Amino acid sequence: MDHTHLPIQVISLCGADGQIKPLRFRFEDEAHGLHTVNILEVLDVRNVMYVGIEAFRFLCRGAEDGESHVFELNYAVRSHRWSLLKKVY
């Protein structure tokens, strides 16, 4: 499955300092099955500007179907949309 810029649903936490921390996300595959990933650890967060669009990139270790993987998530500030950029095996 190609996870490039796949729209996802995210449960996140906003701290008193304004920092966002993803806790869990889910996405729909080609067969319309839902997959839920619990974020175990946020490894890195970067503020990026791409063609004038501000976003935050989260490199996270998460558990999907009992296996640990690294995921790269993107949060677009202006549109408030989350997407899965890639899944590292």
C-alpha atoms as a PDB file:
ATOM      1  CA  MET A   1       0.000   0.000   0.000  1.00  0.00           C
ATOM      2  CA  ASP A   2       1.281   3.452  -0.923  1.00  0.00           C
ATOM      3  CA  HIS A   3       0.974   5.693   2.149  1.00  0.00           C
ATOM      4  CA  THR A   4       2.243   8.866   0.426  1.00  0.00           C
ATOM      5  CA  HIS A   5       0.220  11.866   1.650  1.00  0.00           C
ATOM      6  CA  LEU A   6      -2.641   9.634   2.769  1.00  0.00           C
ATOM      7  CA  PRO A   7      -5.267  11.625   4.733  1.00  0.00           C
ATOM      8  CA  ILE A   8      -5.562  10.308   8.284  1.00  0.00           C
ATOM      9  CA  GLN A   9      -7.666  10.849  11.391  1.00  0.00           C
ATOM     10  CA  VAL A  10      -5.579  11.789  14.430  1.00  0.00           C
ATOM     11  CA  ILE A  11      -6.142  12.026  18.148  1.00  0.00           C
ATOM     12  CA  SER A  12      -3.620  14.500  19.493  1.00  0.00           C
ATOM     13  CA  LEU A  13      -2.813  16.429  22.644  1.00  0.00           C
ATOM     14  CA  CYS A  14      -2.226  20.174  22.758  1.00  0.00           C
ATOM     15  CA  GLY A  15      -0.101  21.242  25.695  1.00  0.00           C
ATOM     16  CA  ALA A  16      -0.401  24.494  27.626  1.00  0.00           C
ATOM     17  CA  ASP A  17       2.651  25.695  25.680  1.00  0.00           C
ATOM     18  CA  GLY A  18       0.870  25.121  22.336  1.00  0.00           C
ATOM     19  CA  GLN A  19       2.865  22.053  21.351  1.00  0.00           C
ATOM     20  CA  ILE A  20       0.976  19.311  19.499  1.00  0.00           C
ATOM     21  CA  LYS A  21       1.611  15.644  20.254  1.00  0.00           C
ATOM     22  CA  PRO A  22      -0.077  12.905  18.172  1.00  0.00           C
ATOM     23  CA  LEU A  23      -1.340  10.005  20.301  1.00  0.00           C
ATOM     24  CA  ARG A  24      -3.145   7.753  17.811  1.00  0.00           C
ATOM     25  CA  PHE A  25      -4.103   7.793  14.152  1.00  0.00           C
ATOM     26  CA  ARG A  26      -6.089   5.697  11.750  1.00  0.00           C
ATOM     27  CA  PHE A  27      -6.340   5.398   7.998  1.00  0.00           C
ATOM     28  CA  GLU A  28      -8.415   3.555   5.432  1.00  0.00           C
ATOM     29  CA  ASP A  29      -6.772   1.133   2.976  1.00  0.00           C
ATOM     30  CA  GLU A  30      -7.802   0.343  -0.614  1.00  0.00           C
ATOM     31  CA  ALA A  31     -10.218  -2.357   0.602  1.00  0.00           C
ATOM     32  CA  HIS A  32     -11.854   0.233   2.909  1.00  0.00           C
ATOM     33  CA  GLY A  33     -10.468  -1.458   6.024  1.00  0.00           C
ATOM     34  CA  LEU A  34      -9.550   0.801   8.950  1.00  0.00           C
ATOM     35  CA  HIS A  35      -6.081   0.542  10.503  1.00  0.00           C
ATOM     36  CA  THR A  36      -5.338   2.091  13.892  1.00  0.00           C
ATOM     37  CA  VAL A  37      -1.816   3.006  14.997  1.00  0.00           C
ATOM     38  CA  ASN A  38      -1.007   3.858  18.621  1.00  0.00           C
ATOM     39  CA  ILE A  39       1.909   6.289  18.871  1.00  0.00           C
ATOM     40  CA  LEU A  40       4.476   4.906  21.300  1.00  0.00           C
ATOM     41  CA  GLU A  41       7.040   7.680  20.990  1.00  0.00           C
ATOM     42  CA  VAL A  42       7.547  10.935  19.087  1.00  0.00           C
ATOM     43  CA  LEU A  43      11.132  10.747  17.843  1.00  0.00           C
ATOM     44  CA  ASP A  44      11.404  14.153  16.156  1.00  0.00           C
ATOM     45  CA  VAL A  45       9.270  17.225  15.364  1.00  0.00           C
ATOM     46  CA  ARG A  46      10.163  19.805  12.715  1.00  0.00           C
ATOM     47  CA  ASN A  47       8.490  23.002  11.620  1.00  0.00           C
ATOM     48  CA  VAL A  48       8.687  23.115   7.812  1.00  0.00           C
ATOM     49  CA  MET A  49       7.667  25.598   5.124  1.00  0.00           C
ATOM     50  CA  TYR A  50       6.893  24.123   1.715  1.00  0.00           C
ATOM     51  CA  VAL A  51       5.727  26.475  -1.038  1.00  0.00           C
ATOM     52  CA  GLY A  52       4.542  28.944   1.593  1.00  0.00           C
ATOM     53  CA  ILE A  53       2.578  26.316   3.541  1.00  0.00           C
ATOM     54  CA  GLU A  54       3.535  25.943   7.201  1.00  0.00           C
ATOM     55  CA  ALA A  55       3.469  22.408   8.544  1.00  0.00           C
ATOM     56  CA  PHE A  56       4.837  20.254  11.328  1.00  0.00           C
ATOM     57  CA  ARG A  57       6.504  16.928  10.527  1.00  0.00           C
ATOM     58  CA  PHE A  58       6.384  14.253  13.192  1.00  0.00           C
ATOM     59  CA  LEU A  59       8.630  11.207  13.105  1.00  0.00           C
ATOM     60  CA  CYS A  60       6.907   8.679  15.367  1.00  0.00           C
ATOM     61  CA  ARG A  61       7.336   5.103  16.482  1.00  0.00           C
ATOM     62  CA  GLY A  62       3.966   3.413  16.580  1.00  0.00           C
ATOM     63  CA  ALA A  63       2.353   0.009  16.993  1.00  0.00           C
ATOM     64  CA  GLU A  64       0.177  -1.384  14.196  1.00  0.00           C
ATOM     65  CA  ASP A  65      -1.184  -4.931  14.438  1.00  0.00           C
ATOM     66  CA  GLY A  66       1.241  -5.688  17.277  1.00  0.00           C
ATOM     67  CA  GLU A  67       4.321  -4.634  15.284  1.00  0.00           C
ATOM     68  CA  SER A  68       6.394  -1.504  15.815  1.00  0.00           C
ATOM     69  CA  HIS A  69       7.064   0.775  12.824  1.00  0.00           C
ATOM     70  CA  VAL A  70       8.292   4.305  12.256  1.00  0.00           C
ATOM     71  CA  PHE A  71       5.841   6.709  10.620  1.00  0.00           C
ATOM     72  CA  GLU A  72       6.244  10.221   9.276  1.00  0.00           C
ATOM     73  CA  LEU A  73       3.155  12.358   9.834  1.00  0.00           C
ATOM     74  CA  ASN A  74       2.427  15.839   8.516  1.00  0.00           C
ATOM     75  CA  TYR A  75       0.175  18.455  10.101  1.00  0.00           C
ATOM     76  CA  ALA A  76      -0.702  21.421   7.850  1.00  0.00           C
ATOM     77  CA  VAL A  77      -1.260  24.407  10.130  1.00  0.00           C
ATOM     78  CA  ARG A  78      -3.553  26.537   7.957  1.00  0.00           C
ATOM     79  CA  SER A  79      -5.883  23.725   6.824  1.00  0.00           C
ATOM     80  CA  HIS A  80      -5.661  21.757  10.129  1.00  0.00           C
ATOM     81  CA  ARG A  81      -5.206  18.522   8.138  1.00  0.00           C
ATOM     82  CA  TRP A  82      -3.125  15.505   8.995  1.00  0.00           C
ATOM     83  CA  SER A  83      -1.550  13.142   6.477  1.00  0.00           C
ATOM     84  CA  LEU A  84       0.668  10.086   6.572  1.00  0.00           C
ATOM     85  CA  LEU A  85       3.771  10.841   4.512  1.00  0.00           C
ATOM     86  CA  LYS A  86       5.432   7.462   4.789  1.00  0.00           C
ATOM     87  CA  LYS A  87       5.748   4.288   6.777  1.00  0.00           C
ATOM     88  CA  VAL A  88       9.246   2.977   7.405  1.00  0.00           C
ATOM     89  CA  TYR A  89       9.493  -0.804   7.725  1.00  0.00           C
END
